[in-house]
Amino acid sequence: MSTTLSKAEKANTQSIVAEVKKTWTQTRVSIMSDGWKGMRERQLLNFFVNNLYDTIFLKSVDASDAVKYATLLFNILDLVVEEVGEDLVIQVVMDNASNYKKVGEMLMKKMTRL
């Protein structure tokens, strides 16, 4: 029974996310990132997409090898922006540490609309 409920809930969640994604072209979006250390000391980055209608969890990335290097962090964030759609992103909200500031500069250089 729990497998059936899990599948039904997954389908319901996917439906809700699909409806929210349809609104992205109307309002454009903000990408939000938050980092934390997991139980195994891995550095994880969570990515959320926010607009006027809702906020959805997009994905979590193991960035253990990247957090100290702006270029590697930029590559991760650039892929996230591409996944969402560069033309839809109006801002990226992330950590204020110096390596993230460099990532922000790199993003703004590549995507002049940010």
PDB file of N, CA and C in Angstrom:
ATOM      1  N   MET A   1       0.809  -1.187   0.000  1.00  0.00           N
ATOM      2  CA  MET A   1       0.000   0.000   0.000  1.00  0.00           C
ATOM      3  C   MET A   1       0.860   1.262   0.000  1.00  0.00           C
ATOM      4  N   SER A   2       1.961   1.280   0.762  1.00  0.00           N
ATOM      5  CA  SER A   2       2.791   2.482   0.833  1.00  0.00           C
ATOM      6  C   SER A   2       3.442   2.797  -0.514  1.00  0.00           C
ATOM      7  N   THR A   3       3.781   1.762  -1.290  1.00  0.00           N
ATOM      8  CA  THR A   3       4.351   1.997  -2.614  1.00  0.00           C
ATOM      9  C   THR A   3       3.339   2.676  -3.516  1.00  0.00           C
ATOM     10  N   THR A   4       2.102   2.243  -3.458  1.00  0.00           N
ATOM     11  CA  THR A   4       1.041   2.857  -4.253  1.00  0.00           C
ATOM     12  C   THR A   4       0.839   4.307  -3.844  1.00  0.00           C
ATOM     13  N   LEU A   5       0.833   4.572  -2.548  1.00  0.00           N
ATOM     14  CA  LEU A   5       0.682   5.945  -2.066  1.00  0.00           C
ATOM     15  C   LEU A   5       1.872   6.801  -2.477  1.00  0.00           C
ATOM     16  N   SER A   6       3.075   6.240  -2.392  1.00  0.00           N
ATOM     17  CA  SER A   6       4.275   6.980  -2.785  1.00  0.00           C
ATOM     18  C   SER A   6       4.232   7.345  -4.262  1.00  0.00           C
ATOM     19  N   LYS A   7       3.836   6.404  -5.098  1.00  0.00           N
ATOM     20  CA  LYS A   7       3.733   6.677  -6.533  1.00  0.00           C
ATOM     21  C   LYS A   7       2.681   7.739  -6.810  1.00  0.00           C
ATOM     22  N   ALA A   8       1.572   7.662  -6.107  1.00  0.00           N
ATOM     23  CA  ALA A   8       0.506   8.650  -6.293  1.00  0.00           C
ATOM     24  C   ALA A   8       0.961  10.029  -5.840  1.00  0.00           C
ATOM     25  N   GLU A   9       1.661  10.078  -4.730  1.00  0.00           N
ATOM     26  CA  GLU A   9       2.151  11.369  -4.225  1.00  0.00           C
ATOM     27  C   GLU A   9       3.225  11.946  -5.142  1.00  0.00           C
ATOM     28  N   LYS A  10       4.078  11.079  -5.669  1.00  0.00           N
ATOM     29  CA  LYS A  10       5.097  11.542  -6.617  1.00  0.00           C
ATOM     30  C   LYS A  10       4.431  12.133  -7.856  1.00  0.00           C
ATOM     31  N   ALA A  11       3.432  11.460  -8.379  1.00  0.00           N
ATOM     32  CA  ALA A  11       2.709  11.959  -9.555  1.00  0.00           C
ATOM     33  C   ALA A  11       2.024  13.285  -9.250  1.00  0.00           C
ATOM     34  N   ASN A  12       1.443  13.393  -8.067  1.00  0.00           N
ATOM     35  CA  ASN A  12       0.785  14.633  -7.656  1.00  0.00           C
ATOM     36  C   ASN A  12       1.798  15.780  -7.569  1.00  0.00           C
ATOM     37  N   THR A  13       2.944  15.510  -6.964  1.00  0.00           N
ATOM     38  CA  THR A  13       3.995  16.527  -6.837  1.00  0.00           C
ATOM     39  C   THR A  13       4.506  16.949  -8.210  1.00  0.00           C
ATOM     40  N   GLN A  14       4.731  15.991  -9.089  1.00  0.00           N
ATOM     41  CA  GLN A  14       5.190  16.316 -10.441  1.00  0.00           C
ATOM     42  C   GLN A  14       4.168  17.175 -11.180  1.00  0.00           C
ATOM     43  N   SER A  15       2.908  16.915 -10.960  1.00  0.00           N
ATOM     44  CA  SER A  15       1.847  17.711 -11.578  1.00  0.00           C
ATOM     45  C   SER A  15       1.867  19.152 -11.065  1.00  0.00           C
ATOM     46  N   ILE A  16       2.036  19.308  -9.768  1.00  0.00           N
ATOM     47  CA  ILE A  16       2.099  20.650  -9.170  1.00  0.00           C
ATOM     48  C   ILE A  16       3.308  21.409  -9.713  1.00  0.00           C
ATOM     49  N   VAL A  17       4.459  20.748  -9.760  1.00  0.00           N
ATOM     50  CA  VAL A  17       5.679  21.383 -10.266  1.00  0.00           C
ATOM     51  C   VAL A  17       5.499  21.790 -11.730  1.00  0.00           C
ATOM     52  N   ALA A  18       4.889  20.937 -12.524  1.00  0.00           N
ATOM     53  CA  ALA A  18       4.651  21.260 -13.939  1.00  0.00           C
ATOM     54  C   ALA A  18       3.774  22.500 -14.080  1.00  0.00           C
ATOM     55  N   GLU A  19       2.763  22.624 -13.235  1.00  0.00           N
ATOM     56  CA  GLU A  19       1.891  23.806 -13.275  1.00  0.00           C
ATOM     57  C   GLU A  19       2.660  25.068 -12.896  1.00  0.00           C
ATOM     58  N   VAL A  20       3.510  24.975 -11.885  1.00  0.00           N
ATOM     59  CA  VAL A  20       4.314  26.133 -11.476  1.00  0.00           C
ATOM     60  C   VAL A  20       5.279  26.516 -12.597  1.00  0.00           C
ATOM     61  N   LYS A  21       5.906  25.531 -13.226  1.00  0.00           N
ATOM     62  CA  LYS A  21       6.849  25.812 -14.313  1.00  0.00           C
ATOM     63  C   LYS A  21       6.179  26.559 -15.465  1.00  0.00           C
ATOM     64  N   LYS A  22       4.908  26.302 -15.694  1.00  0.00           N
ATOM     65  CA  LYS A  22       4.182  27.006 -16.759  1.00  0.00           C
ATOM     66  C   LYS A  22       4.113  28.508 -16.495  1.00  0.00           C
ATOM     67  N   THR A  23       4.188  28.912 -15.233  1.00  0.00           N
ATOM     68  CA  THR A  23       4.092  30.336 -14.893  1.00  0.00           C
ATOM     69  C   THR A  23       5.421  31.068 -15.055  1.00  0.00           C
ATOM     70  N   TRP A  24       6.506  30.325 -15.216  1.00  0.00           N
ATOM     71  CA  TRP A  24       7.823  30.955 -15.280  1.00  0.00           C
ATOM     72  C   TRP A  24       7.944  31.937 -16.435  1.00  0.00           C
ATOM     73  N   THR A  25       7.338  31.631 -17.567  1.00  0.00           N
ATOM     74  CA  THR A  25       7.448  32.538 -18.714  1.00  0.00           C
ATOM     75  C   THR A  25       6.672  33.832 -18.487  1.00  0.00           C
ATOM     76  N   GLN A  26       5.678  33.799 -17.634  1.00  0.00           N
ATOM     77  CA  GLN A  26       4.876  34.994 -17.349  1.00  0.00           C
ATOM     78  C   GLN A  26       5.598  35.938 -16.394  1.00  0.00           C
ATOM     79  N   THR A  27       6.272  35.390 -15.400  1.00  0.00           N
ATOM     80  CA  THR A  27       6.822  36.225 -14.325  1.00  0.00           C
ATOM     81  C   THR A  27       8.339  36.246 -14.282  1.00  0.00           C
ATOM     82  N   ARG A  28       8.981  35.312 -14.952  1.00  0.00           N
ATOM     83  CA  ARG A  28      10.414  35.074 -14.822  1.00  0.00           C
ATOM     84  C   ARG A  28      10.719  34.630 -13.392  1.00  0.00           C
ATOM     85  N   VAL A  29      11.962  34.243 -13.129  1.00  0.00           N
ATOM     86  CA  VAL A  29      12.244  33.558 -11.867  1.00  0.00           C
ATOM     87  C   VAL A  29      13.554  34.009 -11.223  1.00  0.00           C
ATOM     88  N   SER A  30      13.666  33.678  -9.946  1.00  0.00           N
ATOM     89  CA  SER A  30      14.909  33.802  -9.189  1.00  0.00           C
ATOM     90  C   SER A  30      15.391  32.395  -8.867  1.00  0.00           C
ATOM     91  N   ILE A  31      16.682  32.181  -9.004  1.00  0.00           N
ATOM     92  CA  ILE A  31      17.276  30.924  -8.562  1.00  0.00           C
ATOM     93  C   ILE A  31      17.896  31.195  -7.202  1.00  0.00           C
ATOM     94  N   MET A  32      17.586  30.340  -6.248  1.00  0.00           N
ATOM     95  CA  MET A  32      18.116  30.483  -4.894  1.00  0.00           C
ATOM     96  C   MET A  32      18.955  29.251  -4.573  1.00  0.00           C
ATOM     97  N   SER A  33      20.091  29.475  -3.950  1.00  0.00           N
ATOM     98  CA  SER A  33      20.992  28.388  -3.600  1.00  0.00           C
ATOM     99  C   SER A  33      21.334  28.465  -2.119  1.00  0.00           C
ATOM    100  N   ASP A  34      21.406  27.302  -1.501  1.00  0.00           N
ATOM    101  CA  ASP A  34      21.783  27.228  -0.097  1.00  0.00           C
ATOM    102  C   ASP A  34      22.708  26.034   0.082  1.00  0.00           C
ATOM    103  N   GLY A  35      23.822  26.241   0.744  1.00  0.00           N
ATOM    104  CA  GLY A  35      24.769  25.160   0.963  1.00  0.00           C
ATOM    105  C   GLY A  35      24.749  24.668   2.396  1.00  0.00           C
ATOM    106  N   TRP A  36      25.069  23.409   2.582  1.00  0.00           N
ATOM    107  CA  TRP A  36      25.141  22.826   3.914  1.00  0.00           C
ATOM    108  C   TRP A  36      25.996  21.569   3.857  1.00  0.00           C
ATOM    109  N   LYS A  37      26.458  21.134   5.021  1.00  0.00           N
ATOM    110  CA  LYS A  37      27.240  19.905   5.112  1.00  0.00           C
ATOM    111  C   LYS A  37      26.334  18.759   5.513  1.00  0.00           C
ATOM    112  N   GLY A  38      26.429  17.685   4.755  1.00  0.00           N
ATOM    113  CA  GLY A  38      25.647  16.502   5.055  1.00  0.00           C
ATOM    114  C   GLY A  38      26.281  15.690   6.169  1.00  0.00           C
ATOM    115  N   MET A  39      25.622  14.595   6.527  1.00  0.00           N
ATOM    116  CA  MET A  39      26.094  13.752   7.627  1.00  0.00           C
ATOM    117  C   MET A  39      27.471  13.160   7.349  1.00  0.00           C
ATOM    118  N   ARG A  40      27.801  12.975   6.103  1.00  0.00           N
ATOM    119  CA  ARG A  40      29.105  12.399   5.747  1.00  0.00           C
ATOM    120  C   ARG A  40      30.116  13.485   5.391  1.00  0.00           C
ATOM    121  N   GLU A  41      29.855  14.714   5.880  1.00  0.00           N
ATOM    122  CA  GLU A  41      30.750  15.855   5.668  1.00  0.00           C
ATOM    123  C   GLU A  41      30.852  16.278   4.203  1.00  0.00           C
ATOM    124  N   ARG A  42      29.888  15.865   3.394  1.00  0.00           N
ATOM    125  CA  ARG A  42      29.855  16.335   2.007  1.00  0.00           C
ATOM    126  C   ARG A  42      29.224  17.718   1.971  1.00  0.00           C
ATOM    127  N   GLN A  43      29.737  18.564   1.105  1.00  0.00           N
ATOM    128  CA  GLN A  43      29.193  19.910   0.935  1.00  0.00           C
ATOM    129  C   GLN A  43      28.094  19.829  -0.124  1.00  0.00           C
ATOM    130  N   LEU A  44      26.865  20.066   0.287  1.00  0.00           N
ATOM    131  CA  LEU A  44      25.721  19.951  -0.610  1.00  0.00           C
ATOM    132  C   LEU A  44      25.158  21.327  -0.924  1.00  0.00           C
ATOM    133  N   LEU A  45      24.739  21.512  -2.162  1.00  0.00           N
ATOM    134  CA  LEU A  45      24.077  22.744  -2.574  1.00  0.00           C
ATOM    135  C   LEU A  45      22.659  22.407  -2.994  1.00  0.00           C
ATOM    136  N   ASN A  46      21.696  23.077  -2.399  1.00  0.00           N
ATOM    137  CA  ASN A  46      20.300  22.935  -2.795  1.00  0.00           C
ATOM    138  C   ASN A  46      19.943  24.098  -3.702  1.00  0.00           C
ATOM    139  N   PHE A  47      19.183  23.825  -4.743  1.00  0.00           N
ATOM    140  CA  PHE A  47      18.741  24.862  -5.669  1.00  0.00           C
ATOM    141  C   PHE A  47      17.219  24.901  -5.694  1.00  0.00           C
ATOM    142  N   PHE A  48      16.700  26.105  -5.558  1.00  0.00           N
ATOM    143  CA  PHE A  48      15.267  26.359  -5.591  1.00  0.00           C
ATOM    144  C   PHE A  48      14.989  27.377  -6.684  1.00  0.00           C
ATOM    145  N   VAL A  49      13.783  27.329  -7.234  1.00  0.00           N
ATOM    146  CA  VAL A  49      13.354  28.322  -8.215  1.00  0.00           C
ATOM    147  C   VAL A  49      12.121  28.999  -7.648  1.00  0.00           C
ATOM    148  N   ASN A  50      12.159  30.319  -7.636  1.00  0.00           N
ATOM    149  CA  ASN A  50      11.089  31.109  -7.024  1.00  0.00           C
ATOM    150  C   ASN A  50      10.526  32.098  -8.031  1.00  0.00           C
ATOM    151  N   ASN A  51       9.212  32.247  -8.017  1.00  0.00           N
ATOM    152  CA  ASN A  51       8.564  33.342  -8.735  1.00  0.00           C
ATOM    153  C   ASN A  51       7.355  33.788  -7.927  1.00  0.00           C
ATOM    154  N   LEU A  52       6.572  34.656  -8.503  1.00  0.00           N
ATOM    155  CA  LEU A  52       5.416  35.227  -7.825  1.00  0.00           C
ATOM    156  C   LEU A  52       4.448  34.154  -7.320  1.00  0.00           C
ATOM    157  N   TYR A  53       4.363  33.037  -8.019  1.00  0.00           N
ATOM    158  CA  TYR A  53       3.370  32.020  -7.702  1.00  0.00           C
ATOM    159  C   TYR A  53       3.820  31.002  -6.662  1.00  0.00           C
ATOM    160  N   ASP A  54       5.096  30.630  -6.683  1.00  0.00           N
ATOM    161  CA  ASP A  54       5.521  29.559  -5.781  1.00  0.00           C
ATOM    162  C   ASP A  54       7.040  29.417  -5.787  1.00  0.00           C
ATOM    163  N   THR A  55       7.532  28.605  -4.889  1.00  0.00           N
ATOM    164  CA  THR A  55       8.941  28.217  -4.841  1.00  0.00           C
ATOM    165  C   THR A  55       8.992  26.706  -4.942  1.00  0.00           C
ATOM    166  N   ILE A  56       9.849  26.210  -5.823  1.00  0.00           N
ATOM    167  CA  ILE A  56       9.995  24.758  -5.930  1.00  0.00           C
ATOM    168  C   ILE A  56      11.458  24.369  -5.723  1.00  0.00           C
ATOM    169  N   PHE A  57      11.645  23.196  -5.164  1.00  0.00           N
ATOM    170  CA  PHE A  57      12.973  22.608  -5.037  1.00  0.00           C
ATOM    171  C   PHE A  57      13.338  22.064  -6.405  1.00  0.00           C
ATOM    172  N   LEU A  58      14.489  22.481  -6.930  1.00  0.00           N
ATOM    173  CA  LEU A  58      14.918  22.005  -8.241  1.00  0.00           C
ATOM    174  C   LEU A  58      15.802  20.771  -8.111  1.00  0.00           C
ATOM    175  N   LYS A  59      16.861  20.898  -7.302  1.00  0.00           N
ATOM    176  CA  LYS A  59      17.759  19.752  -7.132  1.00  0.00           C
ATOM    177  C   LYS A  59      18.789  20.033  -6.048  1.00  0.00           C
ATOM    178  N   SER A  60      19.481  18.985  -5.670  1.00  0.00           N
ATOM    179  CA  SER A  60      20.585  19.063  -4.729  1.00  0.00           C
ATOM    180  C   SER A  60      21.820  18.515  -5.431  1.00  0.00           C
ATOM    181  N   VAL A  61      22.957  19.178  -5.229  1.00  0.00           N
ATOM    182  CA  VAL A  61      24.191  18.784  -5.904  1.00  0.00           C
ATOM    183  C   VAL A  61      25.290  18.601  -4.863  1.00  0.00           C
ATOM    184  N   ASP A  62      26.044  17.516  -4.984  1.00  0.00           N
ATOM    185  CA  ASP A  62      27.220  17.320  -4.136  1.00  0.00           C
ATOM    186  C   ASP A  62      28.335  18.194  -4.711  1.00  0.00           C
ATOM    187  N   ALA A  63      28.664  19.254  -3.997  1.00  0.00           N
ATOM    188  CA  ALA A  63      29.668  20.215  -4.468  1.00  0.00           C
ATOM    189  C   ALA A  63      30.931  20.153  -3.619  1.00  0.00           C
ATOM    190  N   SER A  64      31.183  19.018  -3.009  1.00  0.00           N
ATOM    191  CA  SER A  64      32.330  18.876  -2.108  1.00  0.00           C
ATOM    192  C   SER A  64      33.642  19.267  -2.772  1.00  0.00           C
ATOM    193  N   ASP A  65      33.802  18.921  -4.035  1.00  0.00           N
ATOM    194  CA  ASP A  65      35.042  19.230  -4.743  1.00  0.00           C
ATOM    195  C   ASP A  65      35.053  20.638  -5.324  1.00  0.00           C
ATOM    196  N   ALA A  66      33.931  21.347  -5.247  1.00  0.00           N
ATOM    197  CA  ALA A  66      33.813  22.630  -5.939  1.00  0.00           C
ATOM    198  C   ALA A  66      33.732  23.846  -5.032  1.00  0.00           C
ATOM    199  N   VAL A  67      33.341  23.681  -3.778  1.00  0.00           N
ATOM    200  CA  VAL A  67      33.013  24.848  -2.950  1.00  0.00           C
ATOM    201  C   VAL A  67      34.161  25.828  -2.749  1.00  0.00           C
ATOM    202  N   LYS A  68      35.375  25.378  -2.864  1.00  0.00           N
ATOM    203  CA  LYS A  68      36.511  26.280  -2.657  1.00  0.00           C
ATOM    204  C   LYS A  68      36.975  26.944  -3.950  1.00  0.00           C
ATOM    205  N   TYR A  69      36.401  26.549  -5.073  1.00  0.00           N
ATOM    206  CA  TYR A  69      36.874  27.032  -6.367  1.00  0.00           C
ATOM    207  C   TYR A  69      35.742  27.714  -7.133  1.00  0.00           C
ATOM    208  N   ALA A  70      35.911  28.991  -7.370  1.00  0.00           N
ATOM    209  CA  ALA A  70      34.858  29.770  -8.029  1.00  0.00           C
ATOM    210  C   ALA A  70      34.522  29.221  -9.412  1.00  0.00           C
ATOM    211  N   THR A  71      35.523  28.779 -10.163  1.00  0.00           N
ATOM    212  CA  THR A  71      35.267  28.287 -11.517  1.00  0.00           C
ATOM    213  C   THR A  71      34.379  27.047 -11.492  1.00  0.00           C
ATOM    214  N   LEU A  72      34.641  26.139 -10.562  1.00  0.00           N
ATOM    215  CA  LEU A  72      33.821  24.928 -10.467  1.00  0.00           C
ATOM    216  C   LEU A  72      32.410  25.258  -9.995  1.00  0.00           C
ATOM    217  N   LEU A  73      32.289  26.166  -9.033  1.00  0.00           N
ATOM    218  CA  LEU A  73      30.960  26.596  -8.583  1.00  0.00           C
ATOM    219  C   LEU A  73      30.201  27.269  -9.714  1.00  0.00           C
ATOM    220  N   PHE A  74      30.908  28.087 -10.481  1.00  0.00           N
ATOM    221  CA  PHE A  74      30.281  28.739 -11.633  1.00  0.00           C
ATOM    222  C   PHE A  74      29.731  27.701 -12.602  1.00  0.00           C
ATOM    223  N   ASN A  75      30.510  26.653 -12.881  1.00  0.00           N
ATOM    224  CA  ASN A  75      30.051  25.609 -13.804  1.00  0.00           C
ATOM    225  C   ASN A  75      28.765  24.956 -13.313  1.00  0.00           C
ATOM    226  N   ILE A  76      28.686  24.694 -12.014  1.00  0.00           N
ATOM    227  CA  ILE A  76      27.471  24.098 -11.442  1.00  0.00           C
ATOM    228  C   ILE A  76      26.293  25.052 -11.601  1.00  0.00           C
ATOM    229  N   LEU A  77      26.486  26.294 -11.215  1.00  0.00           N
ATOM    230  CA  LEU A  77      25.399  27.268 -11.273  1.00  0.00           C
ATOM    231  C   LEU A  77      24.998  27.574 -12.708  1.00  0.00           C
ATOM    232  N   ASP A  78      25.955  27.608 -13.602  1.00  0.00           N
ATOM    233  CA  ASP A  78      25.665  27.840 -15.015  1.00  0.00           C
ATOM    234  C   ASP A  78      24.767  26.738 -15.567  1.00  0.00           C
ATOM    235  N   LEU A  79      25.033  25.498 -15.183  1.00  0.00           N
ATOM    236  CA  LEU A  79      24.181  24.380 -15.617  1.00  0.00           C
ATOM    237  C   LEU A  79      22.763  24.515 -15.063  1.00  0.00           C
ATOM    238  N   VAL A  80      22.649  24.978 -13.823  1.00  0.00           N
ATOM    239  CA  VAL A  80      21.329  25.181 -13.225  1.00  0.00           C
ATOM    240  C   VAL A  80      20.570  26.262 -13.990  1.00  0.00           C
ATOM    241  N   VAL A  81      21.251  27.364 -14.302  1.00  0.00           N
ATOM    242  CA  VAL A  81      20.609  28.445 -15.061  1.00  0.00           C
ATOM    243  C   VAL A  81      20.168  27.934 -16.429  1.00  0.00           C
ATOM    244  N   GLU A  82      21.008  27.157 -17.091  1.00  0.00           N
ATOM    245  CA  GLU A  82      20.638  26.588 -18.389  1.00  0.00           C
ATOM    246  C   GLU A  82      19.440  25.654 -18.259  1.00  0.00           C
ATOM    247  N   GLU A  83      19.402  24.863 -17.198  1.00  0.00           N
ATOM    248  CA  GLU A  83      18.282  23.941 -16.978  1.00  0.00           C
ATOM    249  C   GLU A  83      16.968  24.700 -16.835  1.00  0.00           C
ATOM    250  N   VAL A  84      16.997  25.798 -16.109  1.00  0.00           N
ATOM    251  CA  VAL A  84      15.788  26.606 -15.904  1.00  0.00           C
ATOM    252  C   VAL A  84      15.453  27.390 -17.167  1.00  0.00           C
ATOM    253  N   GLY A  85      16.481  27.896 -17.826  1.00  0.00           N
ATOM    254  CA  GLY A  85      16.309  28.728 -19.016  1.00  0.00           C
ATOM    255  C   GLY A  85      16.880  30.109 -18.753  1.00  0.00           C
ATOM    256  N   GLU A  86      18.010  30.395 -19.363  1.00  0.00           N
ATOM    257  CA  GLU A  86      18.705  31.657 -19.101  1.00  0.00           C
ATOM    258  C   GLU A  86      17.801  32.868 -19.314  1.00  0.00           C
ATOM    259  N   ASP A  87      16.941  32.805 -20.317  1.00  0.00           N
ATOM    260  CA  ASP A  87      16.051  33.934 -20.610  1.00  0.00           C
ATOM    261  C   ASP A  87      14.985  34.143 -19.538  1.00  0.00           C
ATOM    262  N   LEU A  88      14.792  33.164 -18.658  1.00  0.00           N
ATOM    263  CA  LEU A  88      13.770  33.269 -17.610  1.00  0.00           C
ATOM    264  C   LEU A  88      14.327  33.765 -16.277  1.00  0.00           C
ATOM    265  N   VAL A  89      15.642  33.726 -16.114  1.00  0.00           N
ATOM    266  CA  VAL A  89      16.268  34.032 -14.824  1.00  0.00           C
ATOM    267  C   VAL A  89      16.543  35.533 -14.710  1.00  0.00           C
ATOM    268  N   ILE A  90      15.999  36.149 -13.652  1.00  0.00           N
ATOM    269  CA  ILE A  90      16.249  37.576 -13.436  1.00  0.00           C
ATOM    270  C   ILE A  90      17.276  37.823 -12.340  1.00  0.00           C
ATOM    271  N   GLN A  91      17.453  36.852 -11.450  1.00  0.00           N
ATOM    272  CA  GLN A  91      18.468  36.998 -10.413  1.00  0.00           C
ATOM    273  C   GLN A  91      18.828  35.641  -9.834  1.00  0.00           C
ATOM    274  N   VAL A  92      20.012  35.606  -9.229  1.00  0.00           N
ATOM    275  CA  VAL A  92      20.481  34.418  -8.526  1.00  0.00           C
ATOM    276  C   VAL A  92      20.819  34.857  -7.110  1.00  0.00           C
ATOM    277  N   VAL A  93      20.254  34.167  -6.128  1.00  0.00           N
ATOM    278  CA  VAL A  93      20.488  34.477  -4.719  1.00  0.00           C
ATOM    279  C   VAL A  93      21.314  33.338  -4.139  1.00  0.00           C
ATOM    280  N   MET A  94      22.489  33.695  -3.575  1.00  0.00           N
ATOM    281  CA  MET A  94      23.368  32.654  -3.051  1.00  0.00           C
ATOM    282  C   MET A  94      24.182  33.191  -1.887  1.00  0.00           C
ATOM    283  N   ASP A  95      25.041  32.362  -1.358  1.00  0.00           N
ATOM    284  CA  ASP A  95      25.901  32.691  -0.226  1.00  0.00           C
ATOM    285  C   ASP A  95      26.719  33.950  -0.520  1.00  0.00           C
ATOM    286  N   ASN A  96      27.138  34.639   0.527  1.00  0.00           N
ATOM    287  CA  ASN A  96      27.881  35.883   0.393  1.00  0.00           C
ATOM    288  C   ASN A  96      29.391  35.703   0.599  1.00  0.00           C
ATOM    289  N   ALA A  97      29.861  34.462   0.690  1.00  0.00           N
ATOM    290  CA  ALA A  97      31.294  34.205   0.865  1.00  0.00           C
ATOM    291  C   ALA A  97      32.066  34.665  -0.371  1.00  0.00           C
ATOM    292  N   SER A  98      33.347  34.919  -0.214  1.00  0.00           N
ATOM    293  CA  SER A  98      34.141  35.508  -1.297  1.00  0.00           C
ATOM    294  C   SER A  98      34.135  34.670  -2.574  1.00  0.00           C
ATOM    295  N   ASN A  99      34.178  33.344  -2.457  1.00  0.00           N
ATOM    296  CA  ASN A  99      34.164  32.517  -3.661  1.00  0.00           C
ATOM    297  C   ASN A  99      32.826  32.628  -4.394  1.00  0.00           C
ATOM    298  N   TYR A 100      31.736  32.808  -3.655  1.00  0.00           N
ATOM    299  CA  TYR A 100      30.429  32.974  -4.283  1.00  0.00           C
ATOM    300  C   TYR A 100      30.301  34.356  -4.919  1.00  0.00           C
ATOM    301  N   LYS A 101      30.946  35.353  -4.325  1.00  0.00           N
ATOM    302  CA  LYS A 101      30.946  36.685  -4.937  1.00  0.00           C
ATOM    303  C   LYS A 101      31.619  36.624  -6.301  1.00  0.00           C
ATOM    304  N   LYS A 102      32.706  35.877  -6.388  1.00  0.00           N
ATOM    305  CA  LYS A 102      33.404  35.702  -7.667  1.00  0.00           C
ATOM    306  C   LYS A 102      32.498  34.986  -8.663  1.00  0.00           C
ATOM    307  N   VAL A 103      31.776  33.978  -8.212  1.00  0.00           N
ATOM    308  CA  VAL A 103      30.831  33.268  -9.075  1.00  0.00           C
ATOM    309  C   VAL A 103      29.779  34.244  -9.600  1.00  0.00           C
ATOM    310  N   GLY A 104      29.279  35.108  -8.722  1.00  0.00           N
ATOM    311  CA  GLY A 104      28.298  36.106  -9.141  1.00  0.00           C
ATOM    312  C   GLY A 104      28.843  37.019 -10.218  1.00  0.00           C
ATOM    313  N   GLU A 105      30.088  37.452 -10.060  1.00  0.00           N
ATOM    314  CA  GLU A 105      30.720  38.296 -11.074  1.00  0.00           C
ATOM    315  C   GLU A 105      30.835  37.552 -12.401  1.00  0.00           C
ATOM    316  N   MET A 106      31.205  36.278 -12.330  1.00  0.00           N
ATOM    317  CA  MET A 106      31.337  35.474 -13.548  1.00  0.00           C
ATOM    318  C   MET A 106      29.984  35.305 -14.233  1.00  0.00           C
ATOM    319  N   LEU A 107      28.938  35.066 -13.443  1.00  0.00           N
ATOM    320  CA  LEU A 107      27.592  34.925 -14.014  1.00  0.00           C
ATOM    321  C   LEU A 107      27.132  36.214 -14.681  1.00  0.00           C
ATOM    322  N   MET A 108      27.356  37.344 -14.012  1.00  0.00           N
ATOM    323  CA  MET A 108      26.919  38.622 -14.575  1.00  0.00           C
ATOM    324  C   MET A 108      27.699  38.973 -15.838  1.00  0.00           C
ATOM    325  N   LYS A 109      28.935  38.527 -15.917  1.00  0.00           N
ATOM    326  CA  LYS A 109      29.732  38.755 -17.122  1.00  0.00           C
ATOM    327  C   LYS A 109      29.160  37.948 -18.285  1.00  0.00           C
ATOM    328  N   LYS A 110      28.767  36.711 -18.005  1.00  0.00           N
ATOM    329  CA  LYS A 110      28.219  35.843 -19.057  1.00  0.00           C
ATOM    330  C   LYS A 110      26.783  36.222 -19.396  1.00  0.00           C
ATOM    331  N   MET A 111      25.993  36.512 -18.372  1.00  0.00           N
ATOM    332  CA  MET A 111      24.565  36.803 -18.552  1.00  0.00           C
ATOM    333  C   MET A 111      24.316  38.252 -18.158  1.00  0.00           C
ATOM    334  N   THR A 112      24.420  39.122 -19.104  1.00  0.00           N
ATOM    335  CA  THR A 112      24.388  40.559 -18.819  1.00  0.00           C
ATOM    336  C   THR A 112      23.052  41.039 -18.265  1.00  0.00           C
ATOM    337  N   ARG A 113      22.003  40.248 -18.389  1.00  0.00           N
ATOM    338  CA  ARG A 113      20.692  40.665 -17.866  1.00  0.00           C
ATOM    339  C   ARG A 113      20.557  40.446 -16.367  1.00  0.00           C
ATOM    340  N   LEU A 114      21.463  39.718 -15.760  1.00  0.00           N
ATOM    341  CA  LEU A 114      21.379  39.472 -14.311  1.00  0.00           C
ATOM    342  C   LEU A 114      21.756  40.716 -13.542  1.00  0.00           C
TER     343      LEU A 114
END
